[in-house]
N, C-alpha and C. Protein backbone atom coordinates (compact mmCIF):
# COMPACT_ATOMS: atom_id res chain seq x y z
N MET A 1 0.85 -1.19 0.00
CA MET A 1 0.00 0.00 0.00
C MET A 1 0.89 1.24 0.00
N SER A 2 0.55 2.19 -0.84
CA SER A 2 1.38 3.37 -0.95
C SER A 2 1.27 4.23 0.29
N VAL A 3 2.24 5.13 0.48
CA VAL A 3 2.25 6.02 1.63
C VAL A 3 1.00 6.90 1.64
N SER A 4 0.60 7.38 0.47
CA SER A 4 -0.57 8.27 0.40
C SER A 4 -1.84 7.54 0.81
N LYS A 5 -1.94 6.24 0.39
CA LYS A 5 -3.13 5.47 0.76
C LYS A 5 -3.16 5.19 2.26
N VAL A 6 -1.98 4.93 2.84
CA VAL A 6 -1.89 4.69 4.28
C VAL A 6 -2.34 5.94 5.04
N ARG A 7 -1.86 7.08 4.59
CA ARG A 7 -2.25 8.34 5.24
C ARG A 7 -3.76 8.57 5.14
N SER A 8 -4.29 8.30 3.94
CA SER A 8 -5.73 8.48 3.75
C SER A 8 -6.52 7.55 4.66
N TYR A 9 -6.04 6.29 4.77
CA TYR A 9 -6.72 5.31 5.63
C TYR A 9 -6.69 5.76 7.09
N LEU A 10 -5.53 6.18 7.56
CA LEU A 10 -5.38 6.61 8.95
C LEU A 10 -6.23 7.84 9.24
N LEU A 11 -6.28 8.76 8.27
CA LEU A 11 -7.08 9.98 8.45
C LEU A 11 -8.56 9.63 8.56
N THR A 12 -9.00 8.68 7.73
CA THR A 12 -10.40 8.26 7.78
C THR A 12 -10.72 7.61 9.13
N GLU A 13 -9.83 6.75 9.60
CA GLU A 13 -10.03 6.10 10.90
C GLU A 13 -10.08 7.13 12.02
N TYR A 14 -9.20 8.11 11.95
CA TYR A 14 -9.16 9.15 12.98
C TYR A 14 -10.46 9.93 13.01
N ARG A 15 -10.97 10.26 11.82
CA ARG A 15 -12.23 11.01 11.75
C ARG A 15 -13.39 10.20 12.31
N LEU A 16 -13.40 8.89 12.02
CA LEU A 16 -14.47 8.03 12.54
C LEU A 16 -14.42 7.96 14.06
N VAL A 17 -13.20 7.83 14.61
CA VAL A 17 -13.04 7.79 16.07
C VAL A 17 -13.53 9.08 16.70
N CYS A 18 -13.18 10.21 16.11
CA CYS A 18 -13.61 11.52 16.63
C CYS A 18 -15.13 11.65 16.55
N MET A 19 -15.70 11.21 15.42
CA MET A 19 -17.14 11.34 15.22
C MET A 19 -17.90 10.52 16.25
N PHE A 20 -17.50 9.26 16.42
CA PHE A 20 -18.21 8.41 17.37
C PHE A 20 -17.95 8.85 18.81
N GLY A 21 -16.76 9.41 19.06
CA GLY A 21 -16.48 9.93 20.39
C GLY A 21 -17.37 11.11 20.73
N ALA A 22 -17.56 12.00 19.75
CA ALA A 22 -18.43 13.16 19.96
C ALA A 22 -19.88 12.73 20.14
N MET A 23 -20.30 11.72 19.35
CA MET A 23 -21.67 11.22 19.48
C MET A 23 -21.88 10.63 20.86
N SER A 24 -20.87 9.93 21.37
CA SER A 24 -20.98 9.32 22.70
C SER A 24 -21.08 10.38 23.78
N MET A 25 -20.27 11.43 23.65
CA MET A 25 -20.30 12.52 24.63
C MET A 25 -21.65 13.24 24.60
N ASN A 26 -22.16 13.49 23.38
CA ASN A 26 -23.46 14.16 23.26
C ASN A 26 -24.57 13.32 23.84
N SER A 27 -24.50 11.98 23.62
CA SER A 27 -25.51 11.09 24.18
C SER A 27 -25.50 11.11 25.69
N ALA A 28 -24.28 11.22 26.27
CA ALA A 28 -24.16 11.25 27.74
C ALA A 28 -24.68 12.56 28.31
N LYS A 29 -24.50 13.64 27.54
CA LYS A 29 -24.91 14.95 28.02
C LYS A 29 -26.41 15.18 27.87
N ALA A 30 -27.04 14.49 26.92
CA ALA A 30 -28.45 14.74 26.62
C ALA A 30 -29.36 14.56 27.82
N PRO A 31 -29.25 13.45 28.59
CA PRO A 31 -30.11 13.30 29.77
C PRO A 31 -29.89 14.39 30.81
N GLU A 32 -28.64 14.80 30.99
CA GLU A 32 -28.33 15.85 31.95
C GLU A 32 -28.98 17.17 31.54
N GLU A 33 -28.91 17.47 30.24
CA GLU A 33 -29.50 18.72 29.74
C GLU A 33 -31.02 18.68 29.86
N THR A 34 -31.61 17.51 29.59
CA THR A 34 -33.06 17.36 29.75
C THR A 34 -33.46 17.60 31.20
N ARG A 35 -32.70 17.05 32.11
CA ARG A 35 -32.99 17.23 33.54
C ARG A 35 -32.91 18.70 33.93
N ARG A 36 -31.89 19.40 33.43
CA ARG A 36 -31.75 20.82 33.73
C ARG A 36 -32.92 21.63 33.18
N LYS A 37 -33.36 21.29 31.97
CA LYS A 37 -34.49 22.00 31.38
C LYS A 37 -35.77 21.77 32.19
N ILE A 38 -35.96 20.55 32.65
CA ILE A 38 -37.13 20.24 33.47
C ILE A 38 -37.09 21.03 34.77
N LEU A 39 -35.92 21.10 35.41
CA LEU A 39 -35.80 21.84 36.67
C LEU A 39 -36.05 23.32 36.47
N ARG A 40 -35.52 23.90 35.39
CA ARG A 40 -35.74 25.33 35.13
C ARG A 40 -37.22 25.60 34.89
N ALA A 41 -37.85 24.74 34.10
CA ALA A 41 -39.28 24.92 33.81
C ALA A 41 -40.11 24.73 35.07
N ALA A 42 -39.74 23.76 35.91
CA ALA A 42 -40.47 23.51 37.15
C ALA A 42 -40.34 24.70 38.10
N PHE A 43 -39.16 25.26 38.18
CA PHE A 43 -38.97 26.44 39.04
C PHE A 43 -39.90 27.56 38.61
N GLU A 44 -39.93 27.87 37.33
CA GLU A 44 -40.77 28.95 36.84
C GLU A 44 -42.25 28.65 37.07
N GLU A 45 -42.64 27.41 36.85
CA GLU A 45 -44.04 27.02 37.03
C GLU A 45 -44.46 27.12 38.50
N PHE A 46 -43.64 26.61 39.41
CA PHE A 46 -43.98 26.67 40.83
C PHE A 46 -43.91 28.11 41.35
N TYR A 47 -42.98 28.88 40.82
CA TYR A 47 -42.85 30.28 41.24
C TYR A 47 -44.08 31.08 40.83
N LYS A 48 -44.60 30.79 39.66
CA LYS A 48 -45.75 31.54 39.15
C LYS A 48 -47.07 31.04 39.73
N ASN A 49 -47.22 29.73 39.84
CA ASN A 49 -48.53 29.16 40.20
C ASN A 49 -48.55 28.42 41.53
N GLY A 50 -47.42 28.40 42.25
CA GLY A 50 -47.35 27.63 43.48
C GLY A 50 -47.09 26.17 43.19
N PHE A 51 -46.64 25.43 44.21
CA PHE A 51 -46.34 24.03 43.99
C PHE A 51 -47.61 23.23 43.72
N GLN A 52 -48.63 23.43 44.56
CA GLN A 52 -49.86 22.66 44.39
C GLN A 52 -50.59 23.02 43.10
N GLY A 53 -50.50 24.29 42.70
CA GLY A 53 -51.15 24.72 41.47
C GLY A 53 -50.31 24.48 40.23
N GLY A 54 -49.05 24.08 40.44
CA GLY A 54 -48.16 23.85 39.31
C GLY A 54 -48.58 22.63 38.50
N SER A 55 -48.45 22.75 37.20
CA SER A 55 -48.89 21.70 36.28
C SER A 55 -47.70 20.98 35.66
N LEU A 56 -47.68 19.65 35.80
CA LEU A 56 -46.63 18.87 35.16
C LEU A 56 -46.73 18.96 33.65
N ASN A 57 -47.93 19.06 33.12
CA ASN A 57 -48.10 19.21 31.67
C ASN A 57 -47.43 20.49 31.17
N ARG A 58 -47.64 21.59 31.90
CA ARG A 58 -47.00 22.85 31.49
C ARG A 58 -45.48 22.77 31.64
N ILE A 59 -45.03 22.06 32.65
CA ILE A 59 -43.58 21.93 32.87
C ILE A 59 -42.93 21.20 31.70
N VAL A 60 -43.49 20.06 31.31
CA VAL A 60 -42.86 19.31 30.21
C VAL A 60 -42.99 20.06 28.88
N ASP A 61 -44.09 20.78 28.70
CA ASP A 61 -44.23 21.59 27.49
C ASP A 61 -43.17 22.68 27.44
N GLN A 62 -42.98 23.35 28.55
CA GLN A 62 -41.99 24.43 28.61
C GLN A 62 -40.57 23.88 28.44
N ALA A 63 -40.33 22.70 28.99
CA ALA A 63 -39.00 22.09 28.90
C ALA A 63 -38.77 21.45 27.53
N GLY A 64 -39.83 21.30 26.74
CA GLY A 64 -39.70 20.67 25.42
C GLY A 64 -39.42 19.18 25.51
N THR A 65 -40.03 18.53 26.51
CA THR A 65 -39.80 17.10 26.69
C THR A 65 -41.12 16.40 26.97
N THR A 66 -41.07 15.21 27.53
CA THR A 66 -42.27 14.41 27.76
C THR A 66 -42.39 14.04 29.24
N LYS A 67 -43.58 13.60 29.62
CA LYS A 67 -43.75 13.13 31.00
C LYS A 67 -42.91 11.90 31.28
N GLY A 68 -42.70 11.08 30.25
CA GLY A 68 -41.84 9.91 30.41
C GLY A 68 -40.44 10.32 30.81
N ALA A 69 -39.93 11.38 30.18
CA ALA A 69 -38.59 11.88 30.53
C ALA A 69 -38.59 12.45 31.93
N LEU A 70 -39.65 13.18 32.28
CA LEU A 70 -39.73 13.75 33.63
C LEU A 70 -39.69 12.65 34.68
N PHE A 71 -40.49 11.60 34.48
CA PHE A 71 -40.56 10.53 35.48
C PHE A 71 -39.34 9.62 35.42
N HIS A 72 -38.55 9.73 34.36
CA HIS A 72 -37.26 9.03 34.33
C HIS A 72 -36.30 9.67 35.33
N HIS A 73 -36.38 10.99 35.45
CA HIS A 73 -35.45 11.71 36.33
C HIS A 73 -36.00 11.91 37.74
N PHE A 74 -37.32 11.97 37.89
CA PHE A 74 -37.94 12.26 39.18
C PHE A 74 -39.10 11.28 39.40
N THR A 75 -39.18 10.72 40.60
CA THR A 75 -40.20 9.71 40.87
C THR A 75 -41.61 10.31 40.92
N GLY A 76 -41.70 11.61 41.15
CA GLY A 76 -43.00 12.25 41.22
C GLY A 76 -42.86 13.75 41.42
N LYS A 77 -43.96 14.41 41.61
CA LYS A 77 -43.98 15.86 41.73
C LYS A 77 -43.25 16.32 42.99
N ASP A 78 -43.40 15.58 44.10
CA ASP A 78 -42.72 15.97 45.33
C ASP A 78 -41.21 15.97 45.15
N GLU A 79 -40.68 14.90 44.56
CA GLU A 79 -39.24 14.81 44.36
C GLU A 79 -38.76 15.93 43.43
N LEU A 80 -39.57 16.27 42.44
CA LEU A 80 -39.24 17.38 41.56
C LEU A 80 -39.18 18.68 42.35
N GLY A 81 -40.15 18.89 43.25
CA GLY A 81 -40.14 20.08 44.09
C GLY A 81 -38.92 20.15 44.99
N TYR A 82 -38.54 19.00 45.57
CA TYR A 82 -37.36 18.97 46.43
C TYR A 82 -36.11 19.36 45.62
N ALA A 83 -36.03 18.83 44.40
CA ALA A 83 -34.87 19.13 43.55
C ALA A 83 -34.82 20.60 43.16
N VAL A 84 -35.98 21.21 42.95
CA VAL A 84 -36.02 22.64 42.64
C VAL A 84 -35.43 23.44 43.80
N ILE A 85 -35.76 23.07 45.03
CA ILE A 85 -35.20 23.75 46.19
C ILE A 85 -33.69 23.60 46.24
N GLU A 86 -33.23 22.36 46.09
CA GLU A 86 -31.81 22.06 46.28
C GLU A 86 -30.93 22.47 45.11
N GLU A 87 -31.48 22.43 43.89
CA GLU A 87 -30.63 22.62 42.71
C GLU A 87 -30.90 23.91 41.95
N VAL A 88 -32.00 24.59 42.25
CA VAL A 88 -32.29 25.86 41.58
C VAL A 88 -32.31 27.01 42.59
N ILE A 89 -33.15 26.87 43.63
CA ILE A 89 -33.29 27.96 44.59
C ILE A 89 -32.02 28.13 45.43
N GLN A 90 -31.45 27.03 45.90
CA GLN A 90 -30.26 27.13 46.75
C GLN A 90 -29.09 27.84 46.04
N PRO A 91 -28.74 27.49 44.81
CA PRO A 91 -27.66 28.23 44.15
C PRO A 91 -27.98 29.72 43.94
N ARG A 92 -29.25 30.04 43.71
CA ARG A 92 -29.63 31.45 43.53
C ARG A 92 -29.48 32.21 44.85
N LEU A 93 -29.91 31.59 45.94
CA LEU A 93 -29.73 32.23 47.24
C LEU A 93 -28.25 32.40 47.56
N LYS A 94 -27.48 31.39 47.24
CA LYS A 94 -26.04 31.45 47.50
C LYS A 94 -25.40 32.63 46.78
N ALA A 95 -25.73 32.75 45.50
CA ALA A 95 -25.15 33.84 44.72
C ALA A 95 -25.65 35.20 45.19
N ARG A 96 -26.92 35.27 45.59
CA ARG A 96 -27.54 36.54 45.95
C ARG A 96 -27.17 37.00 47.36
N TRP A 97 -27.22 36.08 48.34
CA TRP A 97 -27.09 36.48 49.74
C TRP A 97 -25.90 35.87 50.47
N PHE A 98 -25.54 34.62 50.16
CA PHE A 98 -24.48 33.98 50.92
C PHE A 98 -23.10 34.45 50.47
N ASP A 99 -22.86 34.44 49.16
CA ASP A 99 -21.54 34.79 48.64
C ASP A 99 -21.09 36.20 49.02
N PRO A 100 -21.98 37.23 48.93
CA PRO A 100 -21.52 38.56 49.33
C PRO A 100 -21.07 38.65 50.79
N MET A 101 -21.55 37.72 51.62
CA MET A 101 -21.19 37.72 53.03
C MET A 101 -20.02 36.80 53.35
N ALA A 102 -19.61 35.98 52.38
CA ALA A 102 -18.68 34.88 52.64
C ALA A 102 -17.37 35.34 53.26
N ASN A 103 -16.81 36.43 52.75
CA ASN A 103 -15.52 36.92 53.27
C ASN A 103 -15.62 38.37 53.74
N SER A 104 -16.84 38.81 53.99
CA SER A 104 -17.05 40.21 54.33
C SER A 104 -16.53 40.53 55.74
N ILE A 105 -15.86 41.68 55.84
CA ILE A 105 -15.48 42.20 57.15
C ILE A 105 -16.23 43.50 57.43
N ASP A 106 -17.06 43.90 56.47
CA ASP A 106 -17.94 45.05 56.66
C ASP A 106 -19.35 44.62 56.23
N PRO A 107 -19.97 43.73 56.99
CA PRO A 107 -21.24 43.13 56.56
C PRO A 107 -22.38 44.12 56.42
N ILE A 108 -22.34 45.22 57.17
CA ILE A 108 -23.42 46.21 57.06
C ILE A 108 -23.41 46.84 55.67
N ALA A 109 -22.24 47.29 55.24
CA ALA A 109 -22.13 47.90 53.91
C ALA A 109 -22.42 46.88 52.81
N ASP A 110 -21.90 45.67 52.97
CA ASP A 110 -22.07 44.65 51.94
C ASP A 110 -23.53 44.19 51.85
N LEU A 111 -24.19 44.06 52.98
CA LEU A 111 -25.60 43.65 52.96
C LEU A 111 -26.47 44.74 52.37
N LYS A 112 -26.22 45.99 52.72
CA LYS A 112 -27.00 47.08 52.15
C LYS A 112 -26.82 47.15 50.63
N ARG A 113 -25.61 46.90 50.18
CA ARG A 113 -25.35 46.92 48.74
C ARG A 113 -26.13 45.79 48.05
N ALA A 114 -26.10 44.61 48.65
CA ALA A 114 -26.83 43.47 48.07
C ALA A 114 -28.33 43.71 48.07
N LEU A 115 -28.83 44.30 49.14
CA LEU A 115 -30.26 44.59 49.23
C LEU A 115 -30.70 45.62 48.19
N ARG A 116 -29.91 46.66 48.03
CA ARG A 116 -30.25 47.68 47.03
C ARG A 116 -30.26 47.08 45.62
N GLN A 117 -29.27 46.26 45.33
CA GLN A 117 -29.21 45.63 44.01
C GLN A 117 -30.41 44.70 43.81
N PHE A 118 -30.76 43.97 44.85
CA PHE A 118 -31.89 43.05 44.78
C PHE A 118 -33.19 43.82 44.50
N MET A 119 -33.44 44.87 45.25
CA MET A 119 -34.69 45.62 45.08
C MET A 119 -34.75 46.26 43.69
N LYS A 120 -33.64 46.74 43.21
CA LYS A 120 -33.58 47.33 41.87
C LYS A 120 -33.95 46.29 40.82
N GLU A 121 -33.37 45.09 40.93
CA GLU A 121 -33.63 44.04 39.95
C GLU A 121 -35.07 43.53 40.05
N GLU A 122 -35.60 43.45 41.27
CA GLU A 122 -36.97 42.98 41.44
C GLU A 122 -37.96 43.88 40.70
N VAL A 123 -37.72 45.19 40.80
CA VAL A 123 -38.61 46.15 40.13
C VAL A 123 -38.43 46.07 38.62
N GLU A 124 -37.17 46.01 38.16
CA GLU A 124 -36.89 46.02 36.72
C GLU A 124 -37.42 44.77 36.02
N THR A 125 -37.33 43.62 36.70
CA THR A 125 -37.76 42.36 36.08
C THR A 125 -39.24 42.06 36.30
N GLY A 126 -39.87 42.80 37.21
CA GLY A 126 -41.27 42.53 37.52
C GLY A 126 -41.49 41.38 38.46
N ARG A 127 -40.42 40.82 38.99
CA ARG A 127 -40.55 39.67 39.90
C ARG A 127 -41.03 40.08 41.28
N MET A 128 -41.04 41.35 41.56
CA MET A 128 -41.51 41.82 42.86
C MET A 128 -42.89 41.28 43.18
N VAL A 129 -43.75 41.19 42.16
CA VAL A 129 -45.14 40.77 42.39
C VAL A 129 -45.24 39.27 42.67
N GLN A 130 -44.15 38.53 42.46
CA GLN A 130 -44.18 37.09 42.70
C GLN A 130 -43.55 36.70 44.03
N GLY A 131 -42.84 37.64 44.65
CA GLY A 131 -42.27 37.37 45.97
C GLY A 131 -40.99 36.56 45.93
N CYS A 132 -40.62 36.02 47.10
CA CYS A 132 -39.41 35.21 47.24
C CYS A 132 -39.76 33.74 47.00
N PRO A 133 -39.10 33.07 46.08
CA PRO A 133 -39.46 31.68 45.79
C PRO A 133 -39.33 30.76 47.00
N LEU A 134 -38.33 31.01 47.84
CA LEU A 134 -38.17 30.18 49.04
C LEU A 134 -39.29 30.44 50.04
N ASN A 135 -39.58 31.70 50.28
CA ASN A 135 -40.64 32.04 51.23
C ASN A 135 -42.01 31.61 50.71
N ASN A 136 -42.21 31.71 49.41
CA ASN A 136 -43.47 31.24 48.83
C ASN A 136 -43.70 29.77 49.15
N LEU A 137 -42.66 28.96 48.94
CA LEU A 137 -42.78 27.53 49.22
C LEU A 137 -42.91 27.26 50.71
N ALA A 138 -42.22 28.07 51.52
CA ALA A 138 -42.33 27.91 52.98
C ALA A 138 -43.76 28.13 53.44
N GLN A 139 -44.37 29.19 52.94
CA GLN A 139 -45.73 29.50 53.34
C GLN A 139 -46.73 28.44 52.86
N GLU A 140 -46.48 27.93 51.65
CA GLU A 140 -47.44 26.99 51.07
C GLU A 140 -47.23 25.56 51.56
N MET A 141 -45.97 25.09 51.60
CA MET A 141 -45.73 23.67 51.74
C MET A 141 -45.18 23.22 53.10
N SER A 142 -44.55 24.11 53.86
CA SER A 142 -43.97 23.68 55.14
C SER A 142 -45.00 23.08 56.09
N PRO A 143 -46.24 23.63 56.15
CA PRO A 143 -47.23 23.01 57.04
C PRO A 143 -47.76 21.67 56.53
N LEU A 144 -47.49 21.36 55.26
CA LEU A 144 -48.11 20.19 54.63
C LEU A 144 -47.16 19.03 54.40
N ASP A 145 -45.87 19.31 54.27
CA ASP A 145 -44.95 18.27 53.85
C ASP A 145 -43.61 18.44 54.57
N GLU A 146 -43.20 17.43 55.33
CA GLU A 146 -41.96 17.52 56.11
C GLU A 146 -40.73 17.60 55.21
N GLY A 147 -40.80 16.95 54.06
CA GLY A 147 -39.67 17.02 53.14
C GLY A 147 -39.40 18.44 52.67
N PHE A 148 -40.46 19.16 52.35
CA PHE A 148 -40.32 20.57 51.99
C PHE A 148 -39.84 21.38 53.20
N ARG A 149 -40.49 21.18 54.34
CA ARG A 149 -40.15 21.98 55.53
C ARG A 149 -38.68 21.83 55.89
N LYS A 150 -38.17 20.59 55.88
CA LYS A 150 -36.79 20.34 56.27
C LYS A 150 -35.83 21.01 55.29
N ARG A 151 -36.06 20.87 54.01
CA ARG A 151 -35.16 21.45 53.02
C ARG A 151 -35.19 22.97 53.06
N ILE A 152 -36.36 23.54 53.25
CA ILE A 152 -36.48 25.00 53.34
C ILE A 152 -35.79 25.52 54.59
N GLU A 153 -35.97 24.83 55.70
CA GLU A 153 -35.33 25.27 56.95
C GLU A 153 -33.81 25.16 56.85
N ASP A 154 -33.32 24.15 56.16
CA ASP A 154 -31.87 24.03 55.97
C ASP A 154 -31.32 25.27 55.25
N LEU A 155 -32.06 25.76 54.26
CA LEU A 155 -31.60 26.95 53.54
C LEU A 155 -31.67 28.19 54.42
N TYR A 156 -32.77 28.34 55.16
CA TYR A 156 -32.86 29.49 56.07
C TYR A 156 -31.76 29.44 57.12
N THR A 157 -31.45 28.25 57.62
CA THR A 157 -30.37 28.10 58.61
C THR A 157 -29.04 28.53 58.01
N THR A 158 -28.76 28.08 56.79
CA THR A 158 -27.51 28.47 56.13
C THR A 158 -27.45 29.98 55.92
N TRP A 159 -28.58 30.57 55.55
CA TRP A 159 -28.67 32.02 55.35
C TRP A 159 -28.34 32.75 56.65
N ARG A 160 -28.98 32.33 57.74
CA ARG A 160 -28.72 32.98 59.03
C ARG A 160 -27.27 32.80 59.46
N GLU A 161 -26.75 31.59 59.28
CA GLU A 161 -25.38 31.31 59.72
C GLU A 161 -24.35 32.11 58.92
N SER A 162 -24.60 32.30 57.62
CA SER A 162 -23.66 33.08 56.81
C SER A 162 -23.61 34.53 57.26
N LEU A 163 -24.79 35.07 57.61
CA LEU A 163 -24.83 36.45 58.08
C LEU A 163 -24.26 36.55 59.49
N GLU A 164 -24.54 35.58 60.33
CA GLU A 164 -24.00 35.57 61.69
C GLU A 164 -22.46 35.56 61.66
N ALA A 165 -21.89 34.73 60.79
CA ALA A 165 -20.43 34.66 60.69
C ALA A 165 -19.85 35.99 60.20
N ALA A 166 -20.53 36.62 59.24
CA ALA A 166 -20.07 37.91 58.72
C ALA A 166 -20.13 38.99 59.80
N LEU A 167 -21.18 38.99 60.60
CA LEU A 167 -21.30 39.97 61.68
C LEU A 167 -20.20 39.75 62.72
N ALA A 168 -19.87 38.50 63.01
CA ALA A 168 -18.80 38.21 63.96
C ALA A 168 -17.46 38.72 63.43
N ARG A 169 -17.23 38.55 62.13
CA ARG A 169 -16.00 39.09 61.54
C ARG A 169 -16.01 40.61 61.59
N GLY A 170 -17.19 41.19 61.37
CA GLY A 170 -17.30 42.65 61.43
C GLY A 170 -16.97 43.19 62.81
N ILE A 171 -17.38 42.48 63.85
CA ILE A 171 -17.05 42.89 65.21
C ILE A 171 -15.55 42.89 65.40
N LYS A 172 -14.87 41.84 64.96
CA LYS A 172 -13.42 41.76 65.08
C LYS A 172 -12.71 42.84 64.28
N ALA A 173 -13.30 43.19 63.13
CA ALA A 173 -12.68 44.21 62.26
C ALA A 173 -13.02 45.62 62.69
N GLY A 174 -13.94 45.75 63.64
CA GLY A 174 -14.32 47.08 64.12
C GLY A 174 -15.37 47.77 63.27
N THR A 175 -16.04 47.03 62.39
CA THR A 175 -17.09 47.65 61.55
C THR A 175 -18.49 47.42 62.12
N VAL A 176 -18.58 46.59 63.15
CA VAL A 176 -19.85 46.29 63.79
C VAL A 176 -19.68 46.45 65.31
N ARG A 177 -20.71 46.98 65.96
CA ARG A 177 -20.65 47.17 67.41
C ARG A 177 -20.36 45.86 68.14
N LYS A 178 -19.60 45.98 69.20
CA LYS A 178 -19.22 44.78 69.97
C LYS A 178 -20.33 44.27 70.87
N ASP A 179 -21.31 45.11 71.16
CA ASP A 179 -22.33 44.72 72.14
C ASP A 179 -23.55 44.05 71.50
N ILE A 180 -23.47 43.72 70.22
CA ILE A 180 -24.63 43.08 69.57
C ILE A 180 -24.43 41.56 69.56
N SER A 181 -25.52 40.83 69.42
CA SER A 181 -25.47 39.38 69.28
C SER A 181 -25.56 39.03 67.80
N PRO A 182 -24.49 38.54 67.19
CA PRO A 182 -24.55 38.20 65.77
C PRO A 182 -25.68 37.22 65.44
N ARG A 183 -25.92 36.25 66.31
CA ARG A 183 -26.97 35.27 66.04
C ARG A 183 -28.35 35.93 66.04
N ASN A 184 -28.62 36.77 67.04
CA ASN A 184 -29.94 37.41 67.13
C ASN A 184 -30.15 38.39 65.98
N VAL A 185 -29.13 39.15 65.66
CA VAL A 185 -29.24 40.11 64.56
C VAL A 185 -29.47 39.38 63.24
N ALA A 186 -28.72 38.30 63.02
CA ALA A 186 -28.88 37.53 61.77
C ALA A 186 -30.30 36.97 61.65
N ALA A 187 -30.83 36.45 62.75
CA ALA A 187 -32.19 35.91 62.73
C ALA A 187 -33.20 36.99 62.38
N PHE A 188 -33.02 38.18 62.98
CA PHE A 188 -33.96 39.27 62.71
C PHE A 188 -33.85 39.76 61.28
N VAL A 189 -32.62 39.94 60.78
CA VAL A 189 -32.43 40.51 59.45
C VAL A 189 -32.97 39.58 58.36
N VAL A 190 -32.72 38.29 58.48
CA VAL A 190 -33.23 37.34 57.49
C VAL A 190 -34.76 37.34 57.51
N ALA A 191 -35.34 37.37 58.72
CA ALA A 191 -36.80 37.43 58.82
C ALA A 191 -37.33 38.73 58.23
N ALA A 192 -36.62 39.83 58.46
CA ALA A 192 -37.04 41.13 57.92
C ALA A 192 -36.98 41.13 56.39
N GLN A 193 -35.93 40.54 55.83
CA GLN A 193 -35.82 40.47 54.38
C GLN A 193 -36.99 39.69 53.78
N ALA A 194 -37.29 38.53 54.37
CA ALA A 194 -38.40 37.73 53.88
C ALA A 194 -39.72 38.49 54.02
N GLY A 195 -39.86 39.21 55.13
CA GLY A 195 -41.09 39.97 55.35
C GLY A 195 -41.26 41.12 54.37
N ILE A 196 -40.17 41.80 54.06
CA ILE A 196 -40.22 42.91 53.11
C ILE A 196 -40.63 42.40 51.73
N ILE A 197 -40.03 41.28 51.31
CA ILE A 197 -40.35 40.74 50.00
C ILE A 197 -41.80 40.26 49.96
N GLY A 198 -42.25 39.63 51.04
CA GLY A 198 -43.63 39.17 51.09
C GLY A 198 -44.63 40.32 51.08
N THR A 199 -44.30 41.40 51.79
CA THR A 199 -45.17 42.58 51.81
C THR A 199 -45.25 43.22 50.43
N ALA A 200 -44.11 43.29 49.76
CA ALA A 200 -44.09 43.87 48.42
C ALA A 200 -44.91 43.02 47.45
N LYS A 201 -44.83 41.70 47.61
CA LYS A 201 -45.62 40.81 46.76
C LYS A 201 -47.11 41.06 46.95
N ASN A 202 -47.55 41.17 48.20
CA ASN A 202 -48.96 41.34 48.47
C ASN A 202 -49.47 42.71 48.03
N SER A 203 -48.69 43.75 48.33
CA SER A 203 -49.12 45.12 48.01
C SER A 203 -48.86 45.48 46.55
N GLN A 204 -47.88 44.76 45.93
CA GLN A 204 -47.43 45.08 44.58
C GLN A 204 -47.05 46.55 44.48
N SER A 205 -46.40 47.00 45.55
CA SER A 205 -46.05 48.41 45.65
C SER A 205 -44.54 48.58 45.78
N GLU A 206 -43.93 49.19 44.77
CA GLU A 206 -42.51 49.50 44.82
C GLU A 206 -42.23 50.48 45.96
N GLU A 207 -43.14 51.43 46.16
CA GLU A 207 -42.95 52.44 47.20
C GLU A 207 -42.89 51.80 48.58
N LEU A 208 -43.79 50.84 48.85
CA LEU A 208 -43.82 50.20 50.16
C LEU A 208 -42.55 49.38 50.38
N MET A 209 -42.08 48.70 49.35
CA MET A 209 -40.84 47.93 49.47
C MET A 209 -39.67 48.85 49.77
N THR A 210 -39.64 50.01 49.11
CA THR A 210 -38.57 50.98 49.34
C THR A 210 -38.62 51.52 50.76
N GLN A 211 -39.83 51.84 51.24
CA GLN A 211 -39.97 52.34 52.61
C GLN A 211 -39.48 51.32 53.63
N ALA A 212 -39.90 50.08 53.47
CA ALA A 212 -39.48 49.03 54.40
C ALA A 212 -37.97 48.79 54.31
N GLY A 213 -37.45 48.83 53.08
CA GLY A 213 -36.01 48.66 52.89
C GLY A 213 -35.21 49.75 53.58
N GLU A 214 -35.66 51.00 53.47
CA GLU A 214 -34.95 52.10 54.11
C GLU A 214 -34.98 51.97 55.63
N ALA A 215 -36.10 51.46 56.16
CA ALA A 215 -36.18 51.24 57.61
C ALA A 215 -35.18 50.17 58.04
N LEU A 216 -35.04 49.13 57.22
CA LEU A 216 -34.06 48.08 57.53
C LEU A 216 -32.64 48.64 57.44
N PHE A 217 -32.39 49.50 56.44
CA PHE A 217 -31.07 50.13 56.34
C PHE A 217 -30.77 50.96 57.59
N GLY A 218 -31.80 51.65 58.10
CA GLY A 218 -31.61 52.44 59.32
C GLY A 218 -31.21 51.56 60.49
N TYR A 219 -31.88 50.41 60.60
CA TYR A 219 -31.52 49.46 61.67
C TYR A 219 -30.08 48.98 61.49
N LEU A 220 -29.71 48.62 60.26
CA LEU A 220 -28.35 48.14 60.02
C LEU A 220 -27.32 49.22 60.37
N ASP A 221 -27.63 50.46 60.02
CA ASP A 221 -26.70 51.55 60.35
C ASP A 221 -26.54 51.72 61.86
N SER A 222 -27.57 51.36 62.62
CA SER A 222 -27.48 51.49 64.08
C SER A 222 -26.53 50.46 64.67
N LEU A 223 -26.13 49.47 63.87
CA LEU A 223 -25.20 48.44 64.35
C LEU A 223 -23.74 48.87 64.18
N LYS A 224 -23.52 50.02 63.56
CA LYS A 224 -22.15 50.50 63.39
C LYS A 224 -21.61 51.04 64.71
N PRO A 225 -20.30 50.95 64.93
CA PRO A 225 -19.71 51.48 66.18
C PRO A 225 -19.89 52.99 66.28
């Protein structure tokens, strides 16, 4: 066999290996992408219509898949709801509230900045009228289902603990008063945030959310030395 034919043969084999390798990788990724689409669609559906009012038919339509695919990944609606909390809501809370506090030594300034950005985005996107996805599920499902209650409380606990740790660092850095209780303040502030968002959802009033936010800012400023 000539050198040119050998090269042509090897090139063809190489292309076939690459093609089948890519097909194998795409096949492996397809179920993962379907699962992600279902979770995103489920989050939006539950956020808009509540968990109990959420429709699996609308979820699979929005995700561009089938109920068979949904039940391949989730045993039922409850498990889908649990996954939404753990895989959609938790990362969003982390990015929004936990991460800004993770290494903060001036938690008052950093929290006020995060709150202002949050309120601005809520108004611009129109999500203010839908409230907090975590608090919505807490109000609806915590009294009805222990699986929801436990997962939601785990997130609230993490939220409080992240703020408590930031306040403790602030005390050491001299940006927060030494006579405050980081645990008590964190519990109050997280509850106040949830309350402000819930009030704005009910009133659908940007003005009321701003008023409540400014009052919270005043409280936070009182924690400065």
